Amino acid sequence: MSTTNAIETSAEPLPVLVHDGSRLDWVAARYSATVALQRQASAVIHELRDAPEIETLLSNGDAIYATEIRCPRTMLSRVEHAEGTSQVVKLHDAERNDDLYLIPGIVAVRDTSISASGLHPLVRGERAAVDIPAGWWLARGGEYQFEPLLVSLLRFVKDGDDRLKPGTMSVEEAELSGNPYFKVTLAAELYDHRREHRDIQIAALIAAFGQLPRSTMARGKDDEEDDGVNADCPLAQALRARLEDAALSDWDSEFFDPARAATSMERFWIDTGDDE
């Protein structure tokens, strides 16, 4: 089944109900979605109002609530169907280390037709009904983006001066121009052949965590406001919150364990198929 709406090749346009009202195909119908992003399982709640024509397709099984998972970089696009208006979207291990978008909506699961009574007159024309092909998104919500920790905290660059020996890397905090981050320099062949490998990325993340106590994200004695508000940058606040959720000490504590902290957020993958 197609995961994106195909080019409209007929003279009569196919309707799409978009969440922001930017496409005026429908007169009164409204679609929206509430999305709570989590790396393990995200919650999606679909809401459809004043759209009896689409409700009919949902009730007879011709259409279904769904969420597309998309990664432009890797060309990933797959669709998870919902049992009803509430949906839990689980990510595969290989998807948790990339920039992903969740796009909720309503999709036709078989060739069908929909009453044109609720359409804008310019879209409806003389039609009493509109033929809808399988895979057509009848409604589309917004794009909800994940930004993985590896993307937020690390920037991978290639050693262009041959300073590093083959198979080695260096990690250092970059000069600030907004949120702090760590520059990971990889030896040339390591960058060319293994930059995307999970073990290389986790090794760099552990090294970066090891530098956090001495970084600009370390909290000094004067970093607390008089009213007790944390003066951390947003990235530091997010990291501290995730460590707190995992019941682990942050980098201002003498009990901070960089390897455990890093791998609690971005875990090594275990491929049981390699056991032999």
Protein backbone atom coordinates (compact mmCIF):
# COMPACT_ATOMS: atom_id res chain seq x y z
CA MET A 1 0.00 0.00 0.00
CA SER A 2 1.31 3.42 -0.89
CA THR A 3 2.27 5.53 2.13
CA THR A 4 1.97 8.91 0.45
CA ASN A 5 -0.72 10.40 -1.70
CA ALA A 6 -0.06 9.82 -5.38
CA ILE A 7 -0.15 12.57 -7.98
CA GLU A 8 -3.72 13.36 -8.90
CA THR A 9 -3.91 12.39 -12.54
CA SER A 10 -7.65 12.72 -13.07
CA ALA A 11 -9.35 15.94 -14.06
CA GLU A 12 -11.36 15.79 -10.83
CA PRO A 13 -9.26 16.35 -7.69
CA LEU A 14 -9.21 13.84 -4.83
CA PRO A 15 -10.01 15.39 -1.45
CA VAL A 16 -7.62 15.55 1.49
CA LEU A 17 -8.61 16.80 4.93
CA VAL A 18 -5.50 18.47 6.39
CA HIS A 19 -5.14 19.37 10.05
CA ASP A 20 -4.22 23.03 9.55
CA GLY A 21 -7.06 23.89 7.16
CA SER A 22 -4.59 24.93 4.44
CA ARG A 23 -6.43 22.83 1.85
CA LEU A 24 -10.06 23.83 1.43
CA ASP A 25 -11.45 20.56 0.10
CA TRP A 26 -14.02 20.22 2.87
CA VAL A 27 -16.57 22.74 4.10
CA ALA A 28 -17.00 21.75 7.76
CA ALA A 29 -14.92 18.60 8.39
CA ARG A 30 -11.99 18.81 10.79
CA TYR A 31 -9.15 16.39 11.59
CA SER A 32 -6.52 16.74 14.30
CA ALA A 33 -4.17 14.48 16.25
CA THR A 34 -2.45 14.65 19.61
CA VAL A 35 0.98 12.99 19.61
CA ALA A 36 3.14 12.19 22.64
CA LEU A 37 6.60 11.37 21.30
CA GLN A 38 8.57 8.62 23.03
CA ARG A 39 11.50 6.69 21.58
CA GLN A 40 10.08 3.32 22.59
CA ALA A 41 6.35 3.79 21.99
CA SER A 42 4.60 7.01 21.01
CA ALA A 43 0.93 7.66 21.71
CA VAL A 44 -1.33 9.09 18.99
CA ILE A 45 -4.92 10.17 19.53
CA HIS A 46 -6.89 10.88 16.35
CA GLU A 47 -9.89 13.22 16.31
CA LEU A 48 -12.33 13.60 13.43
CA ARG A 49 -15.23 16.08 13.59
CA ASP A 50 -18.11 16.99 11.31
CA ALA A 51 -17.08 14.47 8.65
CA PRO A 52 -19.88 11.87 8.32
CA GLU A 53 -18.65 10.92 4.84
CA ILE A 54 -15.25 9.83 6.16
CA GLU A 55 -16.88 8.29 9.24
CA THR A 56 -18.84 6.03 6.91
CA LEU A 57 -15.65 4.71 5.33
CA LEU A 58 -14.15 4.15 8.78
CA SER A 59 -17.19 2.26 10.02
CA ASN A 60 -17.39 -0.08 7.01
CA GLY A 61 -13.66 -0.81 7.03
CA ASP A 62 -12.78 0.97 3.79
CA ALA A 63 -10.56 3.42 5.69
CA ILE A 64 -8.61 3.30 8.93
CA TYR A 65 -6.80 5.62 11.31
CA ALA A 66 -3.05 5.27 10.77
CA THR A 67 0.34 6.88 11.34
CA GLU A 68 3.18 7.03 8.84
CA ILE A 69 6.75 6.69 10.13
CA ARG A 70 9.12 8.49 7.77
CA CYS A 71 12.86 9.14 7.61
CA PRO A 72 13.84 11.36 4.64
CA ARG A 73 17.54 10.52 5.00
CA THR A 74 17.12 6.76 4.62
CA MET A 75 13.95 6.94 2.49
CA LEU A 76 12.13 4.93 5.17
CA SER A 77 8.35 5.08 4.96
CA ARG A 78 6.03 2.62 6.68
CA VAL A 79 2.51 2.83 8.01
CA GLU A 80 1.14 1.59 11.32
CA HIS A 81 -2.63 1.03 11.44
CA ALA A 82 -4.73 1.88 14.49
CA GLU A 83 -7.51 -0.19 16.01
CA GLY A 84 -9.46 2.97 16.81
CA THR A 85 -8.88 6.62 17.60
CA SER A 86 -6.10 5.79 20.11
CA GLN A 87 -2.88 4.35 18.77
CA VAL A 88 0.52 3.27 20.09
CA VAL A 89 3.35 3.51 17.56
CA LYS A 90 6.39 1.36 18.35
CA LEU A 91 9.75 1.95 16.70
CA HIS A 92 12.07 -0.80 15.55
CA ASP A 93 15.57 -0.82 17.06
CA ALA A 94 17.15 0.23 13.76
CA GLU A 95 14.86 3.29 13.60
CA ARG A 96 15.74 4.77 16.98
CA ASN A 97 19.01 6.27 15.83
CA ASP A 98 17.72 8.55 13.11
CA ASP A 99 15.65 11.63 12.37
CA LEU A 100 12.10 10.34 12.20
CA TYR A 101 8.74 11.93 11.58
CA LEU A 102 5.36 10.63 12.70
CA ILE A 103 2.51 11.74 10.43
CA PRO A 104 -0.96 10.69 11.62
CA GLY A 105 -4.06 10.58 9.46
CA ILE A 106 -6.77 8.45 7.86
CA VAL A 107 -5.95 6.19 4.90
CA ALA A 108 -8.09 4.16 2.50
CA VAL A 109 -7.24 0.46 2.73
CA ARG A 110 -9.14 -0.58 -0.41
CA ASP A 111 -10.57 1.02 -3.51
CA THR A 112 -13.77 2.75 -2.48
CA SER A 113 -15.91 5.83 -3.06
CA ILE A 114 -16.94 8.66 -0.77
CA SER A 115 -19.97 10.91 -0.81
CA ALA A 116 -19.14 14.36 -2.18
CA SER A 117 -21.85 16.09 -0.14
CA GLY A 118 -19.42 17.65 2.37
CA LEU A 119 -16.87 18.85 -0.18
CA HIS A 120 -16.36 22.44 -1.20
CA PRO A 121 -18.41 23.17 -4.34
CA LEU A 122 -15.25 23.91 -6.37
CA VAL A 123 -13.91 20.44 -5.49
CA ARG A 124 -17.25 18.64 -5.69
CA GLY A 125 -18.24 19.95 -9.08
CA GLU A 126 -21.08 17.86 -10.51
CA ARG A 127 -20.04 14.71 -8.66
CA ALA A 128 -22.30 12.91 -6.19
CA ALA A 129 -19.43 10.67 -5.10
CA VAL A 130 -15.65 10.53 -5.50
CA ASP A 131 -13.73 7.35 -6.30
CA ILE A 132 -10.89 6.85 -3.81
CA PRO A 133 -7.99 4.46 -4.57
CA ALA A 134 -6.45 2.20 -1.93
CA GLY A 135 -3.60 3.94 -0.16
CA TRP A 136 -5.05 7.44 -0.52
CA TRP A 137 -4.71 9.58 2.62
CA LEU A 138 -8.15 11.02 3.26
CA ALA A 139 -6.84 13.04 6.22
CA ARG A 140 -3.30 14.14 7.14
CA GLY A 141 -2.04 15.52 10.41
CA GLY A 142 1.13 17.46 11.11
CA GLU A 143 4.69 16.14 11.01
CA TYR A 144 5.99 15.32 14.49
CA GLN A 145 9.78 15.07 14.49
CA PHE A 146 12.14 13.08 16.69
CA GLU A 147 15.62 14.46 17.20
CA PRO A 148 17.74 11.63 18.60
CA LEU A 149 20.32 12.32 21.29
CA LEU A 150 23.11 11.42 18.88
CA VAL A 151 21.92 14.13 16.50
CA SER A 152 21.56 16.75 19.25
CA LEU A 153 24.83 16.17 21.06
CA LEU A 154 27.30 14.91 18.45
CA ARG A 155 28.61 16.15 15.10
CA PHE A 156 30.73 13.69 13.12
CA VAL A 157 33.51 15.05 10.91
CA LYS A 158 36.27 13.49 8.86
CA ASP A 159 39.95 13.90 9.75
CA GLY A 160 41.16 15.67 6.64
CA ASP A 161 44.70 16.33 7.92
CA ASP A 162 45.71 12.73 8.70
CA ARG A 163 46.27 13.65 12.34
CA LEU A 164 44.54 10.50 13.56
CA LYS A 165 45.88 7.00 13.14
CA PRO A 166 43.67 4.47 11.32
CA GLY A 167 40.79 3.22 13.44
CA THR A 168 40.89 6.09 15.95
CA MET A 169 38.70 9.04 16.88
CA SER A 170 38.84 12.18 18.99
CA VAL A 171 35.99 13.94 20.80
CA GLU A 172 36.00 17.56 21.95
CA GLU A 173 33.43 20.16 22.87
CA ALA A 174 32.88 22.55 20.00
CA GLU A 175 32.96 26.32 20.23
CA LEU A 176 29.53 27.52 21.14
CA SER A 177 27.11 29.05 18.66
CA GLY A 178 23.89 28.26 20.49
CA ASN A 179 23.41 24.87 22.14
CA PRO A 180 26.71 23.15 22.99
CA TYR A 181 27.70 19.97 21.20
CA PHE A 182 30.70 17.67 20.81
CA LYS A 183 32.70 17.35 17.61
CA VAL A 184 33.63 13.76 16.86
CA THR A 185 36.58 13.53 14.47
CA LEU A 186 37.00 10.12 12.84
CA ALA A 187 40.09 8.85 11.03
CA ALA A 188 39.49 9.02 7.29
CA GLU A 189 38.78 5.34 6.57
CA LEU A 190 36.75 5.02 9.75
CA TYR A 191 34.59 7.94 8.64
CA ASP A 192 34.23 6.57 5.11
CA HIS A 193 33.30 3.00 6.05
CA ARG A 194 31.88 2.89 9.57
CA ARG A 195 30.48 6.33 10.44
CA GLU A 196 26.91 4.99 10.53
CA HIS A 197 27.71 1.91 12.60
CA ARG A 198 26.01 1.84 15.98
CA ASP A 199 29.11 0.81 17.95
CA ILE A 200 31.11 3.77 16.58
CA GLN A 201 28.34 6.21 17.47
CA ILE A 202 27.87 4.82 20.98
CA ALA A 203 31.64 4.92 21.59
CA ALA A 204 31.60 8.61 20.65
CA LEU A 205 28.59 9.23 22.87
CA ILE A 206 30.30 7.62 25.87
CA ALA A 207 33.38 9.76 25.24
CA ALA A 208 31.23 12.90 25.08
CA PHE A 209 29.49 11.96 28.34
CA GLY A 210 32.91 11.50 29.90
CA GLN A 211 33.64 15.16 29.12
CA LEU A 212 30.34 16.53 30.46
CA PRO A 213 31.69 17.19 34.01
CA ARG A 214 34.33 19.52 32.48
CA SER A 215 32.12 20.99 29.77
CA THR A 216 30.11 24.19 29.57
CA MET A 217 27.10 22.06 30.58
CA ALA A 218 28.59 21.43 34.03
CA ARG A 219 26.70 23.28 36.73
CA GLY A 220 28.85 25.65 38.76
CA LYS A 221 28.08 27.01 42.19
CA ASP A 222 26.64 30.21 40.74
CA ASP A 223 24.50 28.56 38.07
CA GLU A 224 21.35 28.39 40.18
CA GLU A 225 19.03 31.38 40.07
CA ASP A 226 17.89 32.91 43.35
CA ASP A 227 14.44 31.46 42.79
CA GLY A 228 15.87 28.00 42.26
CA VAL A 229 15.29 27.89 38.50
CA ASN A 230 17.88 25.82 36.64
CA ALA A 231 19.98 27.99 34.31
CA ASP A 232 20.98 25.03 32.09
CA CYS A 233 20.61 25.19 28.31
CA PRO A 234 17.64 23.19 26.93
CA LEU A 235 19.85 20.27 25.87
CA ALA A 236 21.39 19.97 29.33
CA GLN A 237 17.95 20.11 30.90
CA ALA A 238 16.74 17.32 28.63
CA LEU A 239 19.78 15.16 29.42
CA ARG A 240 19.40 15.67 33.17
CA ALA A 241 15.68 14.83 32.98
CA ARG A 242 16.36 11.57 31.14
CA LEU A 243 19.03 10.57 33.65
CA GLU A 244 16.62 11.33 36.47
CA ASP A 245 13.96 9.18 34.79
CA ALA A 246 16.52 6.35 34.61
CA ALA A 247 17.39 6.85 38.33
CA LEU A 248 21.01 7.67 37.42
CA SER A 249 23.29 10.43 38.74
CA ASP A 250 24.03 13.33 36.40
CA TRP A 251 27.49 14.66 35.57
CA ASP A 252 27.65 17.01 38.56
CA SER A 253 27.65 14.04 40.94
CA GLU A 254 30.69 12.10 42.10
CA PHE A 255 28.73 8.93 41.27
CA PHE A 256 28.31 9.83 37.60
CA ASP A 257 29.09 6.86 35.30
CA PRO A 258 29.52 8.12 31.69
CA ALA A 259 29.25 4.69 30.06
CA ARG A 260 26.13 3.69 31.97
CA ALA A 261 24.52 7.10 31.48
CA ALA A 262 25.20 7.16 27.72
CA THR A 263 24.01 3.60 27.09
CA SER A 264 20.89 4.14 29.17
CA MET A 265 19.82 6.67 26.54
CA GLU A 266 21.24 5.10 23.37
CA ARG A 267 21.68 1.38 23.85
CA PHE A 268 23.85 -1.03 21.94
CA TRP A 269 21.82 -3.22 19.62
CA ILE A 270 21.85 -6.94 20.25
CA ASP A 271 21.40 -9.05 17.12
CA THR A 272 20.50 -12.53 18.33
CA GLY A 273 20.85 -13.74 14.75
CA ASP A 274 24.63 -13.47 15.14
CA ASP A 275 24.83 -15.96 18.03
CA GLU A 276 26.27 -18.71 15.88
